[in-house]
Amino acid sequence: MNQVTGEDDDQALRPAIDALNQGTMRLAGLMMDSAVSTALKGKTMDQADMGEGPDAPHPVAKAEFE
């Protein structure tokens, strides 16, 4: 029996999981923004060591991902 609805049906948990996901999405975004800005603060693009990006056949063409 699940504690959310008092039912034995696992499908009854889906709405609660979705609600929790929606309720925490903003917090997760703020935490990610904070972590990234702290890691990159005061660095130039060369110092950031972000690795190589995807290749594009032309500067204005869409990148091709593998």
N, C-alpha and C. Protein backbone atom coordinates (compact mmCIF):
# COMPACT_ATOMS: atom_id res chain seq x y z
N MET A 1 0.85 -1.18 0.00
CA MET A 1 0.00 0.00 0.00
C MET A 1 0.89 1.24 0.00
N ASN A 2 0.63 2.19 -0.92
CA ASN A 2 1.45 3.40 -0.91
C ASN A 2 0.87 4.42 0.05
N GLN A 3 1.73 5.27 0.57
CA GLN A 3 1.31 6.22 1.60
C GLN A 3 0.70 7.49 1.00
N VAL A 4 0.84 7.69 -0.27
CA VAL A 4 0.30 8.90 -0.90
C VAL A 4 -1.22 8.83 -0.97
N THR A 5 -1.74 7.72 -1.44
CA THR A 5 -3.18 7.62 -1.65
C THR A 5 -3.85 6.54 -0.82
N GLY A 6 -3.06 5.69 -0.17
CA GLY A 6 -3.63 4.59 0.57
C GLY A 6 -4.10 3.46 -0.32
N GLU A 7 -3.68 3.48 -1.58
CA GLU A 7 -4.07 2.45 -2.55
C GLU A 7 -2.90 1.51 -2.81
N ASP A 8 -3.21 0.35 -3.35
CA ASP A 8 -2.18 -0.60 -3.72
C ASP A 8 -1.69 -0.38 -5.15
N ASP A 9 -2.34 0.46 -5.90
CA ASP A 9 -2.03 0.68 -7.31
C ASP A 9 -0.84 1.62 -7.46
N ASP A 10 0.27 1.12 -8.03
CA ASP A 10 1.45 1.96 -8.23
C ASP A 10 1.18 3.12 -9.18
N GLN A 11 0.23 2.96 -10.10
CA GLN A 11 -0.10 4.04 -11.03
C GLN A 11 -0.67 5.25 -10.31
N ALA A 12 -1.19 5.06 -9.11
CA ALA A 12 -1.73 6.17 -8.34
C ALA A 12 -0.61 7.10 -7.87
N LEU A 13 0.63 6.63 -7.88
CA LEU A 13 1.76 7.47 -7.46
C LEU A 13 2.16 8.47 -8.54
N ARG A 14 1.88 8.19 -9.80
CA ARG A 14 2.32 9.05 -10.89
C ARG A 14 1.93 10.51 -10.71
N PRO A 15 0.67 10.85 -10.37
CA PRO A 15 0.33 12.27 -10.19
C PRO A 15 1.13 12.93 -9.06
N ALA A 16 1.40 12.20 -8.00
CA ALA A 16 2.19 12.77 -6.90
C ALA A 16 3.63 12.99 -7.32
N ILE A 17 4.19 12.07 -8.07
CA ILE A 17 5.56 12.22 -8.56
C ILE A 17 5.65 13.40 -9.52
N ASP A 18 4.68 13.54 -10.40
CA ASP A 18 4.66 14.67 -11.34
C ASP A 18 4.53 16.00 -10.60
N ALA A 19 3.69 16.05 -9.57
CA ALA A 19 3.51 17.27 -8.78
C ALA A 19 4.81 17.64 -8.06
N LEU A 20 5.49 16.64 -7.51
CA LEU A 20 6.77 16.89 -6.84
C LEU A 20 7.80 17.41 -7.83
N ASN A 21 7.83 16.82 -9.01
CA ASN A 21 8.75 17.26 -10.05
C ASN A 21 8.49 18.72 -10.43
N GLN A 22 7.24 19.06 -10.66
CA GLN A 22 6.89 20.45 -11.01
C GLN A 22 7.23 21.41 -9.87
N GLY A 23 6.98 20.99 -8.64
CA GLY A 23 7.23 21.85 -7.49
C GLY A 23 8.69 22.10 -7.22
N THR A 24 9.56 21.21 -7.66
CA THR A 24 10.99 21.37 -7.38
C THR A 24 11.79 21.83 -8.60
N MET A 25 11.16 21.96 -9.76
CA MET A 25 11.86 22.34 -10.98
C MET A 25 12.54 23.72 -10.84
N ARG A 26 11.85 24.68 -10.28
CA ARG A 26 12.43 26.03 -10.12
C ARG A 26 13.64 25.99 -9.19
N LEU A 27 13.54 25.26 -8.08
CA LEU A 27 14.66 25.14 -7.16
C LEU A 27 15.86 24.49 -7.85
N ALA A 28 15.63 23.45 -8.60
CA ALA A 28 16.72 22.77 -9.31
C ALA A 28 17.40 23.71 -10.29
N GLY A 29 16.62 24.52 -10.99
CA GLY A 29 17.18 25.48 -11.92
C GLY A 29 18.03 26.53 -11.23
N LEU A 30 17.55 27.03 -10.09
CA LEU A 30 18.32 28.02 -9.34
C LEU A 30 19.62 27.43 -8.81
N MET A 31 19.56 26.19 -8.34
CA MET A 31 20.77 25.53 -7.84
C MET A 31 21.78 25.32 -8.96
N MET A 32 21.31 24.93 -10.14
CA MET A 32 22.21 24.73 -11.28
C MET A 32 22.83 26.06 -11.71
N ASP A 33 22.02 27.11 -11.80
CA ASP A 33 22.55 28.43 -12.16
C ASP A 33 23.63 28.87 -11.18
N SER A 34 23.39 28.67 -9.90
CA SER A 34 24.35 29.06 -8.88
C SER A 34 25.65 28.28 -9.01
N ALA A 35 25.55 26.98 -9.22
CA ALA A 35 26.75 26.14 -9.34
C ALA A 35 27.56 26.52 -10.57
N VAL A 36 26.89 26.75 -11.70
CA VAL A 36 27.60 27.08 -12.93
C VAL A 36 28.23 28.47 -12.82
N SER A 37 27.50 29.44 -12.30
CA SER A 37 28.07 30.79 -12.21
C SER A 37 29.23 30.83 -11.22
N THR A 38 29.17 30.04 -10.15
CA THR A 38 30.29 29.97 -9.20
C THR A 38 31.51 29.34 -9.87
N ALA A 39 31.30 28.28 -10.62
CA ALA A 39 32.41 27.59 -11.28
C ALA A 39 33.07 28.45 -12.35
N LEU A 40 32.30 29.30 -13.02
CA LEU A 40 32.82 30.10 -14.12
C LEU A 40 33.15 31.53 -13.76
N LYS A 41 32.86 31.94 -12.54
CA LYS A 41 33.04 33.35 -12.13
C LYS A 41 34.49 33.80 -12.34
N GLY A 42 34.64 34.90 -13.06
CA GLY A 42 35.95 35.50 -13.27
C GLY A 42 36.81 34.82 -14.31
N LYS A 43 36.27 33.83 -15.02
CA LYS A 43 37.05 33.12 -16.02
C LYS A 43 36.68 33.58 -17.42
N THR A 44 37.66 33.54 -18.31
CA THR A 44 37.39 33.81 -19.72
C THR A 44 36.93 32.49 -20.35
N MET A 45 36.48 32.55 -21.58
CA MET A 45 36.06 31.33 -22.27
C MET A 45 37.22 30.35 -22.40
N ASP A 46 38.44 30.87 -22.62
CA ASP A 46 39.60 29.99 -22.74
C ASP A 46 39.92 29.32 -21.41
N GLN A 47 39.76 30.03 -20.31
CA GLN A 47 40.05 29.48 -18.99
C GLN A 47 38.98 28.51 -18.51
N ALA A 48 37.79 28.62 -19.04
CA ALA A 48 36.68 27.80 -18.56
C ALA A 48 36.86 26.33 -18.88
N ASP A 49 37.67 25.98 -19.87
CA ASP A 49 37.93 24.59 -20.24
C ASP A 49 36.64 23.80 -20.37
N MET A 50 35.80 24.24 -21.29
CA MET A 50 34.51 23.60 -21.49
C MET A 50 34.59 22.50 -22.55
N GLY A 51 35.76 22.20 -23.03
CA GLY A 51 35.90 21.16 -24.04
C GLY A 51 35.50 21.69 -25.40
N GLU A 52 35.54 20.81 -26.36
CA GLU A 52 35.17 21.21 -27.71
C GLU A 52 33.69 21.02 -27.92
N GLY A 53 33.11 21.93 -28.65
CA GLY A 53 31.69 21.84 -28.97
C GLY A 53 31.48 20.97 -30.19
N PRO A 54 30.24 20.79 -30.59
CA PRO A 54 29.96 19.99 -31.78
C PRO A 54 30.44 20.71 -33.05
N ASP A 55 30.76 19.94 -34.06
CA ASP A 55 31.21 20.50 -35.33
C ASP A 55 30.02 20.83 -36.22
N ALA A 56 30.15 21.90 -36.96
CA ALA A 56 29.14 22.27 -37.95
C ALA A 56 29.84 22.40 -39.29
N PRO A 57 29.23 21.95 -40.38
CA PRO A 57 29.87 22.04 -41.69
C PRO A 57 30.07 23.48 -42.17
N HIS A 58 29.36 24.42 -41.60
CA HIS A 58 29.44 25.82 -42.00
C HIS A 58 29.13 26.64 -40.75
N PRO A 59 29.71 27.86 -40.60
CA PRO A 59 29.49 28.65 -39.38
C PRO A 59 28.02 28.93 -39.04
N VAL A 60 27.15 28.96 -40.03
CA VAL A 60 25.74 29.21 -39.73
C VAL A 60 24.88 27.97 -39.87
N ALA A 61 25.51 26.82 -40.13
CA ALA A 61 24.76 25.58 -40.26
C ALA A 61 24.50 24.99 -38.88
N LYS A 62 23.49 24.17 -38.78
CA LYS A 62 23.19 23.50 -37.52
C LYS A 62 24.30 22.49 -37.21
N ALA A 63 24.62 22.38 -35.94
CA ALA A 63 25.63 21.43 -35.51
C ALA A 63 25.12 20.01 -35.65
N GLU A 64 26.04 19.09 -35.90
CA GLU A 64 25.68 17.68 -36.02
C GLU A 64 26.17 16.95 -34.78
N PHE A 65 25.25 16.34 -34.05
CA PHE A 65 25.59 15.60 -32.85
C PHE A 65 25.61 14.11 -33.14
N GLU A 66 26.49 13.38 -32.49
CA GLU A 66 26.54 11.93 -32.67
C GLU A 66 25.73 11.26 -31.59
